[in-house]
Structure formats: structure tokens, C-alpha cells
PDB file of N, CA and C in Angstrom:
ATOM      1  N   MET A   1       0.847  -1.183   0.000  1.00  0.00           N
ATOM      2  CA  MET A   1       0.000   0.000   0.000  1.00  0.00           C
ATOM      3  C   MET A   1       0.885   1.235   0.000  1.00  0.00           C
ATOM      4  N   SER A   2       0.543   2.197  -0.791  1.00  0.00           N
ATOM      5  CA  SER A   2       1.340   3.409  -0.925  1.00  0.00           C
ATOM      6  C   SER A   2       1.142   4.327   0.279  1.00  0.00           C
ATOM      7  N   ASP A   3       2.220   5.065   0.600  1.00  0.00           N
ATOM      8  CA  ASP A   3       2.114   6.045   1.675  1.00  0.00           C
ATOM      9  C   ASP A   3       1.520   7.357   1.186  1.00  0.00           C
ATOM     10  N   ASN A   4       1.309   7.488  -0.125  1.00  0.00           N
ATOM     11  CA  ASN A   4       0.791   8.723  -0.699  1.00  0.00           C
ATOM     12  C   ASN A   4      -0.690   8.868  -0.358  1.00  0.00           C
ATOM     13  N   LYS A   5      -1.011   9.821   0.469  1.00  0.00           N
ATOM     14  CA  LYS A   5      -2.394  10.002   0.912  1.00  0.00           C
ATOM     15  C   LYS A   5      -3.290  10.543  -0.191  1.00  0.00           C
ATOM     16  N   ASP A   6      -2.699  11.189  -1.220  1.00  0.00           N
ATOM     17  CA  ASP A   6      -3.488  11.755  -2.299  1.00  0.00           C
ATOM     18  C   ASP A   6      -3.979  10.700  -3.293  1.00  0.00           C
ATOM     19  N   CYS A   7      -3.367   9.504  -3.274  1.00  0.00           N
ATOM     20  CA  CYS A   7      -3.683   8.522  -4.309  1.00  0.00           C
ATOM     21  C   CYS A   7      -5.132   8.041  -4.243  1.00  0.00           C
ATOM     22  N   CYS A   8      -5.687   7.954  -3.104  1.00  0.00           N
ATOM     23  CA  CYS A   8      -7.015   7.360  -2.977  1.00  0.00           C
ATOM     24  C   CYS A   8      -8.054   8.287  -2.352  1.00  0.00           C
ATOM     25  N   HIS A   9      -7.616   9.355  -1.739  1.00  0.00           N
ATOM     26  CA  HIS A   9      -8.543  10.213  -1.004  1.00  0.00           C
ATOM     27  C   HIS A   9      -8.329  11.676  -1.371  1.00  0.00           C
ATOM     28  N   LYS A  10      -8.562  11.990  -2.641  1.00  0.00           N
ATOM     29  CA  LYS A  10      -8.447  13.379  -3.059  1.00  0.00           C
ATOM     30  C   LYS A  10      -9.611  14.154  -2.470  1.00  0.00           C
ATOM     31  N   THR A  11      -9.408  15.430  -2.237  1.00  0.00           N
ATOM     32  CA  THR A  11     -10.489  16.281  -1.741  1.00  0.00           C
ATOM     33  C   THR A  11     -10.579  17.513  -2.627  1.00  0.00           C
ATOM     34  N   LYS A  12     -11.659  18.258  -2.474  1.00  0.00           N
ATOM     35  CA  LYS A  12     -11.893  19.458  -3.270  1.00  0.00           C
ATOM     36  C   LYS A  12     -12.581  20.480  -2.386  1.00  0.00           C
ATOM     37  N   GLU A  13     -11.974  21.629  -2.249  1.00  0.00           N
ATOM     38  CA  GLU A  13     -12.644  22.719  -1.534  1.00  0.00           C
ATOM     39  C   GLU A  13     -13.575  23.418  -2.505  1.00  0.00           C
ATOM     40  N   ARG A  14     -14.824  23.534  -2.117  1.00  0.00           N
ATOM     41  CA  ARG A  14     -15.827  24.176  -2.966  1.00  0.00           C
ATOM     42  C   ARG A  14     -16.218  25.515  -2.379  1.00  0.00           C
ATOM     43  N   SER A  15     -16.609  26.408  -3.270  1.00  0.00           N
ATOM     44  CA  SER A  15     -17.122  27.693  -2.798  1.00  0.00           C
ATOM     45  C   SER A  15     -18.437  27.446  -2.066  1.00  0.00           C
ATOM     46  N   THR A  16     -18.817  28.391  -1.235  1.00  0.00           N
ATOM     47  CA  THR A  16     -20.082  28.268  -0.512  1.00  0.00           C
ATOM     48  C   THR A  16     -21.246  28.148  -1.484  1.00  0.00           C
ATOM     49  N   LYS A  17     -21.202  28.928  -2.566  1.00  0.00           N
ATOM     50  CA  LYS A  17     -22.281  28.888  -3.567  1.00  0.00           C
ATOM     51  C   LYS A  17     -22.365  27.515  -4.227  1.00  0.00           C
ATOM     52  N   GLU A  18     -21.218  26.984  -4.655  1.00  0.00           N
ATOM     53  CA  GLU A  18     -21.209  25.666  -5.304  1.00  0.00           C
ATOM     54  C   GLU A  18     -21.706  24.593  -4.337  1.00  0.00           C
ATOM     55  N   PHE A  19     -21.201  24.620  -3.114  1.00  0.00           N
ATOM     56  CA  PHE A  19     -21.609  23.638  -2.107  1.00  0.00           C
ATOM     57  C   PHE A  19     -23.117  23.690  -1.881  1.00  0.00           C
ATOM     58  N   LYS A  20     -23.659  24.885  -1.688  1.00  0.00           N
ATOM     59  CA  LYS A  20     -25.102  25.022  -1.430  1.00  0.00           C
ATOM     60  C   LYS A  20     -25.928  24.545  -2.613  1.00  0.00           C
ATOM     61  N   ASP A  21     -25.482  24.876  -3.836  1.00  0.00           N
ATOM     62  CA  ASP A  21     -26.209  24.452  -5.030  1.00  0.00           C
ATOM     63  C   ASP A  21     -26.248  22.938  -5.130  1.00  0.00           C
ATOM     64  N   LEU A  22     -25.088  22.295  -4.967  1.00  0.00           N
ATOM     65  CA  LEU A  22     -25.040  20.840  -5.060  1.00  0.00           C
ATOM     66  C   LEU A  22     -25.847  20.184  -3.946  1.00  0.00           C
ATOM     67  N   LEU A  23     -25.731  20.718  -2.738  1.00  0.00           N
ATOM     68  CA  LEU A  23     -26.480  20.165  -1.618  1.00  0.00           C
ATOM     69  C   LEU A  23     -27.988  20.315  -1.830  1.00  0.00           C
ATOM     70  N   ASN A  24     -28.421  21.458  -2.340  1.00  0.00           N
ATOM     71  CA  ASN A  24     -29.851  21.659  -2.624  1.00  0.00           C
ATOM     72  C   ASN A  24     -30.353  20.657  -3.657  1.00  0.00           C
ATOM     73  N   ARG A  25     -29.537  20.422  -4.676  1.00  0.00           N
ATOM     74  CA  ARG A  25     -29.923  19.446  -5.702  1.00  0.00           C
ATOM     75  C   ARG A  25     -30.074  18.052  -5.087  1.00  0.00           C
ATOM     76  N   LEU A  26     -29.114  17.659  -4.251  1.00  0.00           N
ATOM     77  CA  LEU A  26     -29.201  16.344  -3.613  1.00  0.00           C
ATOM     78  C   LEU A  26     -30.379  16.253  -2.648  1.00  0.00           C
ATOM     79  N   ASN A  27     -30.660  17.333  -1.940  1.00  0.00           N
ATOM     80  CA  ASN A  27     -31.816  17.336  -1.034  1.00  0.00           C
ATOM     81  C   ASN A  27     -33.113  17.130  -1.801  1.00  0.00           C
ATOM     82  N   ARG A  28     -33.209  17.742  -2.995  1.00  0.00           N
ATOM     83  CA  ARG A  28     -34.404  17.545  -3.819  1.00  0.00           C
ATOM     84  C   ARG A  28     -34.516  16.093  -4.269  1.00  0.00           C
ATOM     85  N   VAL A  29     -33.384  15.507  -4.682  1.00  0.00           N
ATOM     86  CA  VAL A  29     -33.397  14.094  -5.094  1.00  0.00           C
ATOM     87  C   VAL A  29     -33.800  13.217  -3.914  1.00  0.00           C
ATOM     88  N   GLU A  30     -33.246  13.504  -2.751  1.00  0.00           N
ATOM     89  CA  GLU A  30     -33.587  12.738  -1.557  1.00  0.00           C
ATOM     90  C   GLU A  30     -35.094  12.823  -1.281  1.00  0.00           C
ATOM     91  N   GLY A  31     -35.663  14.000  -1.438  1.00  0.00           N
ATOM     92  CA  GLY A  31     -37.107  14.165  -1.255  1.00  0.00           C
ATOM     93  C   GLY A  31     -37.896  13.367  -2.283  1.00  0.00           C
ATOM     94  N   GLN A  32     -37.395  13.365  -3.522  1.00  0.00           N
ATOM     95  CA  GLN A  32     -38.068  12.579  -4.563  1.00  0.00           C
ATOM     96  C   GLN A  32     -38.028  11.089  -4.223  1.00  0.00           C
ATOM     97  N   ILE A  33     -36.893  10.613  -3.738  1.00  0.00           N
ATOM     98  CA  ILE A  33     -36.772   9.198  -3.386  1.00  0.00           C
ATOM     99  C   ILE A  33     -37.715   8.849  -2.237  1.00  0.00           C
ATOM    100  N   ARG A  34     -37.790   9.732  -1.252  1.00  0.00           N
ATOM    101  CA  ARG A  34     -38.740   9.494  -0.147  1.00  0.00           C
ATOM    102  C   ARG A  34     -40.176   9.449  -0.678  1.00  0.00           C
ATOM    103  N   GLY A  35     -40.471  10.324  -1.635  1.00  0.00           N
ATOM    104  CA  GLY A  35     -41.805  10.326  -2.235  1.00  0.00           C
ATOM    105  C   GLY A  35     -42.098   9.039  -2.982  1.00  0.00           C
ATOM    106  N   ILE A  36     -41.108   8.527  -3.685  1.00  0.00           N
ATOM    107  CA  ILE A  36     -41.270   7.258  -4.406  1.00  0.00           C
ATOM    108  C   ILE A  36     -41.509   6.123  -3.416  1.00  0.00           C
ATOM    109  N   LYS A  37     -40.750   6.123  -2.345  1.00  0.00           N
ATOM    110  CA  LYS A  37     -40.933   5.093  -1.312  1.00  0.00           C
ATOM    111  C   LYS A  37     -42.346   5.158  -0.742  1.00  0.00           C
ATOM    112  N   ARG A  38     -42.804   6.379  -0.469  1.00  0.00           N
ATOM    113  CA  ARG A  38     -44.144   6.562   0.070  1.00  0.00           C
ATOM    114  C   ARG A  38     -45.206   6.075  -0.933  1.00  0.00           C
ATOM    115  N   MET A  39     -44.977   6.369  -2.220  1.00  0.00           N
ATOM    116  CA  MET A  39     -45.909   5.899  -3.253  1.00  0.00           C
ATOM    117  C   MET A  39     -45.998   4.376  -3.247  1.00  0.00           C
ATOM    118  N   LEU A  40     -44.843   3.721  -3.122  1.00  0.00           N
ATOM    119  CA  LEU A  40     -44.817   2.268  -3.091  1.00  0.00           C
ATOM    120  C   LEU A  40     -45.573   1.742  -1.874  1.00  0.00           C
ATOM    121  N   GLU A  41     -45.316   2.356  -0.724  1.00  0.00           N
ATOM    122  CA  GLU A  41     -45.981   1.941   0.516  1.00  0.00           C
ATOM    123  C   GLU A  41     -47.494   2.146   0.434  1.00  0.00           C
ATOM    124  N   GLU A  42     -47.922   3.135  -0.351  1.00  0.00           N
ATOM    125  CA  GLU A  42     -49.346   3.434  -0.483  1.00  0.00           C
ATOM    126  C   GLU A  42     -49.976   2.756  -1.691  1.00  0.00           C
ATOM    127  N   ASN A  43     -49.229   1.804  -2.283  1.00  0.00           N
ATOM    128  CA  ASN A  43     -49.730   1.022  -3.417  1.00  0.00           C
ATOM    129  C   ASN A  43     -50.115   1.878  -4.620  1.00  0.00           C
ATOM    130  N   ALA A  44     -49.324   2.885  -4.902  1.00  0.00           N
ATOM    131  CA  ALA A  44     -49.582   3.734  -6.062  1.00  0.00           C
ATOM    132  C   ALA A  44     -49.467   2.908  -7.339  1.00  0.00           C
ATOM    133  N   TYR A  45     -50.102   3.385  -8.363  1.00  0.00           N
ATOM    134  CA  TYR A  45     -50.106   2.707  -9.662  1.00  0.00           C
ATOM    135  C   TYR A  45     -48.694   2.704 -10.245  1.00  0.00           C
ATOM    136  N   CYS A  46     -48.328   1.607 -10.885  1.00  0.00           N
ATOM    137  CA  CYS A  46     -46.966   1.404 -11.390  1.00  0.00           C
ATOM    138  C   CYS A  46     -46.466   2.557 -12.250  1.00  0.00           C
ATOM    139  N   THR A  47     -47.263   2.976 -13.209  1.00  0.00           N
ATOM    140  CA  THR A  47     -46.775   4.034 -14.114  1.00  0.00           C
ATOM    141  C   THR A  47     -46.557   5.347 -13.378  1.00  0.00           C
ATOM    142  N   ASP A  48     -47.344   5.621 -12.353  1.00  0.00           N
ATOM    143  CA  ASP A  48     -47.133   6.834 -11.565  1.00  0.00           C
ATOM    144  C   ASP A  48     -45.778   6.789 -10.853  1.00  0.00           C
ATOM    145  N   ILE A  49     -45.435   5.616 -10.335  1.00  0.00           N
ATOM    146  CA  ILE A  49     -44.134   5.451  -9.679  1.00  0.00           C
ATOM    147  C   ILE A  49     -43.017   5.581 -10.706  1.00  0.00           C
ATOM    148  N   LEU A  50     -43.184   4.931 -11.849  1.00  0.00           N
ATOM    149  CA  LEU A  50     -42.160   4.989 -12.893  1.00  0.00           C
ATOM    150  C   LEU A  50     -41.883   6.425 -13.345  1.00  0.00           C
ATOM    151  N   VAL A  51     -42.900   7.227 -13.439  1.00  0.00           N
ATOM    152  CA  VAL A  51     -42.719   8.636 -13.833  1.00  0.00           C
ATOM    153  C   VAL A  51     -41.897   9.370 -12.783  1.00  0.00           C
ATOM    154  N   GLN A  52     -42.172   9.091 -11.521  1.00  0.00           N
ATOM    155  CA  GLN A  52     -41.411   9.745 -10.452  1.00  0.00           C
ATOM    156  C   GLN A  52     -39.961   9.249 -10.405  1.00  0.00           C
ATOM    157  N   VAL A  53     -39.744   7.981 -10.684  1.00  0.00           N
ATOM    158  CA  VAL A  53     -38.380   7.445 -10.750  1.00  0.00           C
ATOM    159  C   VAL A  53     -37.625   8.119 -11.888  1.00  0.00           C
ATOM    160  N   SER A  54     -38.284   8.311 -13.007  1.00  0.00           N
ATOM    161  CA  SER A  54     -37.666   8.995 -14.147  1.00  0.00           C
ATOM    162  C   SER A  54     -37.282  10.423 -13.781  1.00  0.00           C
ATOM    163  N   ALA A  55     -38.129  11.092 -13.036  1.00  0.00           N
ATOM    164  CA  ALA A  55     -37.827  12.464 -12.597  1.00  0.00           C
ATOM    165  C   ALA A  55     -36.632  12.483 -11.651  1.00  0.00           C
ATOM    166  N   ALA A  56     -36.544  11.495 -10.763  1.00  0.00           N
ATOM    167  CA  ALA A  56     -35.404  11.414  -9.848  1.00  0.00           C
ATOM    168  C   ALA A  56     -34.118  11.125 -10.615  1.00  0.00           C
ATOM    169  N   ASN A  57     -34.195  10.247 -11.612  1.00  0.00           N
ATOM    170  CA  ASN A  57     -33.030   9.978 -12.460  1.00  0.00           C
ATOM    171  C   ASN A  57     -32.576  11.235 -13.192  1.00  0.00           C
ATOM    172  N   ALA A  58     -33.525  12.001 -13.704  1.00  0.00           N
ATOM    173  CA  ALA A  58     -33.193  13.246 -14.409  1.00  0.00           C
ATOM    174  C   ALA A  58     -32.526  14.230 -13.453  1.00  0.00           C
ATOM    175  N   ALA A  59     -33.009  14.296 -12.222  1.00  0.00           N
ATOM    176  CA  ALA A  59     -32.420  15.202 -11.235  1.00  0.00           C
ATOM    177  C   ALA A  59     -30.990  14.784 -10.896  1.00  0.00           C
ATOM    178  N   LEU A  60     -30.751  13.485 -10.759  1.00  0.00           N
ATOM    179  CA  LEU A  60     -29.386  12.995 -10.504  1.00  0.00           C
ATOM    180  C   LEU A  60     -28.474  13.271 -11.702  1.00  0.00           C
ATOM    181  N   ASN A  61     -29.004  13.083 -12.915  1.00  0.00           N
ATOM    182  CA  ASN A  61     -28.216  13.390 -14.109  1.00  0.00           C
ATOM    183  C   ASN A  61     -27.861  14.867 -14.160  1.00  0.00           C
ATOM    184  N   SER A  62     -28.782  15.711 -13.773  1.00  0.00           N
ATOM    185  CA  SER A  62     -28.528  17.148 -13.734  1.00  0.00           C
ATOM    186  C   SER A  62     -27.438  17.469 -12.711  1.00  0.00           C
ATOM    187  N   PHE A  63     -27.508  16.830 -11.557  1.00  0.00           N
ATOM    188  CA  PHE A  63     -26.473  16.988 -10.532  1.00  0.00           C
ATOM    189  C   PHE A  63     -25.110  16.604 -11.108  1.00  0.00           C
ATOM    190  N   ASN A  64     -25.047  15.459 -11.784  1.00  0.00           N
ATOM    191  CA  ASN A  64     -23.797  14.998 -12.385  1.00  0.00           C
ATOM    192  C   ASN A  64     -23.255  15.996 -13.397  1.00  0.00           C
ATOM    193  N   LYS A  65     -24.127  16.561 -14.232  1.00  0.00           N
ATOM    194  CA  LYS A  65     -23.685  17.528 -15.243  1.00  0.00           C
ATOM    195  C   LYS A  65     -23.068  18.762 -14.598  1.00  0.00           C
ATOM    196  N   VAL A  66     -23.704  19.269 -13.561  1.00  0.00           N
ATOM    197  CA  VAL A  66     -23.192  20.448 -12.863  1.00  0.00           C
ATOM    198  C   VAL A  66     -21.854  20.128 -12.200  1.00  0.00           C
ATOM    199  N   LEU A  67     -21.785  18.998 -11.501  1.00  0.00           N
ATOM    200  CA  LEU A  67     -20.558  18.611 -10.817  1.00  0.00           C
ATOM    201  C   LEU A  67     -19.428  18.339 -11.812  1.00  0.00           C
ATOM    202  N   LEU A  68     -19.726  17.665 -12.900  1.00  0.00           N
ATOM    203  CA  LEU A  68     -18.715  17.371 -13.910  1.00  0.00           C
ATOM    204  C   LEU A  68     -18.182  18.647 -14.551  1.00  0.00           C
ATOM    205  N   ALA A  69     -19.063  19.568 -14.885  1.00  0.00           N
ATOM    206  CA  ALA A  69     -18.633  20.828 -15.481  1.00  0.00           C
ATOM    207  C   ALA A  69     -17.709  21.591 -14.539  1.00  0.00           C
ATOM    208  N   GLU A  70     -18.066  21.634 -13.281  1.00  0.00           N
ATOM    209  CA  GLU A  70     -17.231  22.320 -12.303  1.00  0.00           C
ATOM    210  C   GLU A  70     -15.897  21.605 -12.129  1.00  0.00           C
ATOM    211  N   HIS A  71     -15.923  20.293 -12.153  1.00  0.00           N
ATOM    212  CA  HIS A  71     -14.694  19.500 -12.033  1.00  0.00           C
ATOM    213  C   HIS A  71     -13.738  19.828 -13.194  1.00  0.00           C
ATOM    214  N   ILE A  72     -14.273  19.877 -14.392  1.00  0.00           N
ATOM    215  CA  ILE A  72     -13.444  20.176 -15.559  1.00  0.00           C
ATOM    216  C   ILE A  72     -12.886  21.589 -15.476  1.00  0.00           C
ATOM    217  N   ARG A  73     -13.741  22.557 -15.096  1.00  0.00           N
ATOM    218  CA  ARG A  73     -13.304  23.952 -15.013  1.00  0.00           C
ATOM    219  C   ARG A  73     -12.235  24.185 -13.951  1.00  0.00           C
ATOM    220  N   THR A  74     -12.274  23.400 -12.890  1.00  0.00           N
ATOM    221  CA  THR A  74     -11.366  23.657 -11.773  1.00  0.00           C
ATOM    222  C   THR A  74     -10.285  22.591 -11.682  1.00  0.00           C
ATOM    223  N   CYS A  75     -10.625  21.429 -11.195  1.00  0.00           N
ATOM    224  CA  CYS A  75      -9.642  20.370 -10.924  1.00  0.00           C
ATOM    225  C   CYS A  75      -8.859  19.973 -12.167  1.00  0.00           C
ATOM    226  N   VAL A  76      -9.570  19.662 -13.251  1.00  0.00           N
ATOM    227  CA  VAL A  76      -8.906  19.186 -14.458  1.00  0.00           C
ATOM    228  C   VAL A  76      -8.039  20.297 -15.060  1.00  0.00           C
ATOM    229  N   ALA A  77      -8.604  21.482 -15.188  1.00  0.00           N
ATOM    230  CA  ALA A  77      -7.849  22.593 -15.775  1.00  0.00           C
ATOM    231  C   ALA A  77      -6.595  22.905 -14.955  1.00  0.00           C
ATOM    232  N   GLU A  78      -6.726  22.915 -13.650  1.00  0.00           N
ATOM    233  CA  GLU A  78      -5.577  23.207 -12.782  1.00  0.00           C
ATOM    234  C   GLU A  78      -4.509  22.131 -12.910  1.00  0.00           C
ATOM    235  N   ASP A  79      -4.934  20.867 -12.910  1.00  0.00           N
ATOM    236  CA  ASP A  79      -3.967  19.784 -13.043  1.00  0.00           C
ATOM    237  C   ASP A  79      -3.233  19.845 -14.384  1.00  0.00           C
ATOM    238  N   ILE A  80      -3.937  20.151 -15.446  1.00  0.00           N
ATOM    239  CA  ILE A  80      -3.290  20.248 -16.756  1.00  0.00           C
ATOM    240  C   ILE A  80      -2.290  21.395 -16.762  1.00  0.00           C
ATOM    241  N   ARG A  81      -2.679  22.541 -16.192  1.00  0.00           N
ATOM    242  CA  ARG A  81      -1.744  23.674 -16.095  1.00  0.00           C
ATOM    243  C   ARG A  81      -0.497  23.290 -15.300  1.00  0.00           C
ATOM    244  N   ASN A  82      -0.665  22.398 -14.328  1.00  0.00           N
ATOM    245  CA  ASN A  82       0.457  21.965 -13.496  1.00  0.00           C
ATOM    246  C   ASN A  82       1.186  20.747 -14.066  1.00  0.00           C
ATOM    247  N   GLY A  83       0.852  20.360 -15.289  1.00  0.00           N
ATOM    248  CA  GLY A  83       1.549  19.274 -15.950  1.00  0.00           C
ATOM    249  C   GLY A  83       1.114  17.880 -15.549  1.00  0.00           C
ATOM    250  N   LYS A  84       0.003  17.756 -14.860  1.00  0.00           N
ATOM    251  CA  LYS A  84      -0.483  16.435 -14.425  1.00  0.00           C
ATOM    252  C   LYS A  84      -1.382  15.846 -15.519  1.00  0.00           C
ATOM    253  N   GLU A  85      -0.753  15.314 -16.541  1.00  0.00           N
ATOM    254  CA  GLU A  85      -1.480  14.789 -17.695  1.00  0.00           C
ATOM    255  C   GLU A  85      -2.336  13.570 -17.366  1.00  0.00           C
ATOM    256  N   ASP A  86      -2.013  12.837 -16.296  1.00  0.00           N
ATOM    257  CA  ASP A  86      -2.804  11.657 -15.939  1.00  0.00           C
ATOM    258  C   ASP A  86      -4.232  12.023 -15.550  1.00  0.00           C
ATOM    259  N   THR A  87      -4.472  13.297 -15.287  1.00  0.00           N
ATOM    260  CA  THR A  87      -5.824  13.753 -14.968  1.00  0.00           C
ATOM    261  C   THR A  87      -6.756  13.553 -16.163  1.00  0.00           C
ATOM    262  N   ILE A  88      -6.219  13.657 -17.363  1.00  0.00           N
ATOM    263  CA  ILE A  88      -7.032  13.437 -18.561  1.00  0.00           C
ATOM    264  C   ILE A  88      -7.493  11.985 -18.603  1.00  0.00           C
ATOM    265  N   ASP A  89      -6.582  11.056 -18.303  1.00  0.00           N
ATOM    266  CA  ASP A  89      -6.964   9.638 -18.264  1.00  0.00           C
ATOM    267  C   ASP A  89      -8.036   9.396 -17.207  1.00  0.00           C
ATOM    268  N   GLU A  90      -7.888  10.029 -16.050  1.00  0.00           N
ATOM    269  CA  GLU A  90      -8.881   9.903 -14.981  1.00  0.00           C
ATOM    270  C   GLU A  90     -10.241  10.426 -15.454  1.00  0.00           C
ATOM    271  N   LEU A  91     -10.236  11.550 -16.170  1.00  0.00           N
ATOM    272  CA  LEU A  91     -11.483  12.129 -16.686  1.00  0.00           C
ATOM    273  C   LEU A  91     -12.129  11.191 -17.699  1.00  0.00           C
ATOM    274  N   VAL A  92     -11.328  10.605 -18.573  1.00  0.00           N
ATOM    275  CA  VAL A  92     -11.857   9.674 -19.573  1.00  0.00           C
ATOM    276  C   VAL A  92     -12.517   8.480 -18.892  1.00  0.00           C
ATOM    277  N   VAL A  93     -11.864   7.922 -17.885  1.00  0.00           N
ATOM    278  CA  VAL A  93     -12.432   6.783 -17.145  1.00  0.00           C
ATOM    279  C   VAL A  93     -13.750   7.199 -16.485  1.00  0.00           C
ATOM    280  N   THR A  94     -13.765   8.381 -15.892  1.00  0.00           N
ATOM    281  CA  THR A  94     -14.976   8.876 -15.241  1.00  0.00           C
ATOM    282  C   THR A  94     -16.108   9.025 -16.256  1.00  0.00           C
ATOM    283  N   LEU A  95     -15.817   9.607 -17.411  1.00  0.00           N
ATOM    284  CA  LEU A  95     -16.838   9.784 -18.449  1.00  0.00           C
ATOM    285  C   LEU A  95     -17.357   8.441 -18.942  1.00  0.00           C
ATOM    286  N   GLN A  96     -16.461   7.476 -19.084  1.00  0.00           N
ATOM    287  CA  GLN A  96     -16.901   6.139 -19.514  1.00  0.00           C
ATOM    288  C   GLN A  96     -17.857   5.519 -18.499  1.00  0.00           C
ATOM    289  N   LYS A  97     -17.576   5.722 -17.219  1.00  0.00           N
ATOM    290  CA  LYS A  97     -18.474   5.205 -16.168  1.00  0.00           C
ATOM    291  C   LYS A  97     -19.823   5.907 -16.219  1.00  0.00           C
ATOM    292  N   LEU A  98     -19.809   7.202 -16.471  1.00  0.00           N
ATOM    293  CA  LEU A  98     -21.061   7.959 -16.504  1.00  0.00           C
ATOM    294  C   LEU A  98     -21.923   7.605 -17.700  1.00  0.00           C
ATOM    295  N   MET A  99     -21.281   7.130 -18.766  1.00  0.00           N
ATOM    296  CA  MET A  99     -22.024   6.835 -20.001  1.00  0.00           C
ATOM    297  C   MET A  99     -22.538   5.401 -20.091  1.00  0.00           C
ATOM    298  N   LYS A 100     -22.358   4.613 -19.050  1.00  0.00           N
ATOM    299  CA  LYS A 100     -22.847   3.217 -19.061  1.00  0.00           C
ATOM    300  C   LYS A 100     -24.345   3.179 -19.134  1.00  0.00           C
TER     301      LYS A 100
END
């Protein structure tokens, strides 16, 4: 195991605005998931649940788009400026995972 603490546990300091925006988005998704659970518990009609699941998926995709854009603008751009070309490979792997 490597002694390099950065290899597996990178961190990112976010602005207050970015943090609040991302947290608000996740809170909305969490509320949608609770609503879906409640619909299931109340025996809601299948298609009604499916529509709500689709909305929750869209909200998570939106969260990913915002987070990815910010990642590219900050982390990736900074690493490239600092000569850390392996960041591009990391981004490619991340994009491949997101596109499954």
C-alpha cells in the first residue's frame, strides 16, 4: 500500500455557492426518493411510480452535469496547467463510467 495520501482520497474545496447548489440538488433528489418510497408503501399505480423514478433519475443526471462541469473547469484545468497529464486519463475513465 502506498504512503501517498493523495492517491485514494483526493479532496476538493468548494465555494459556498457551489456547495449550497449541489447540496440543494441532492436534497431535492432525496425528497423525490422518499416520495417514491411513500408511493410504493401506499400502493400507487406502477406508471405513476415509474414517472417519479424517471424524474429522480433526471435530477441525478442534472447533478452529475453540474458537478462534472465544475470539475473540468477547476480540478482538471488546474492539473493540466500543473503538468499532471494523468488527470485526462482519470477524466476519460470517469466519463466512460457515466455513459454506461
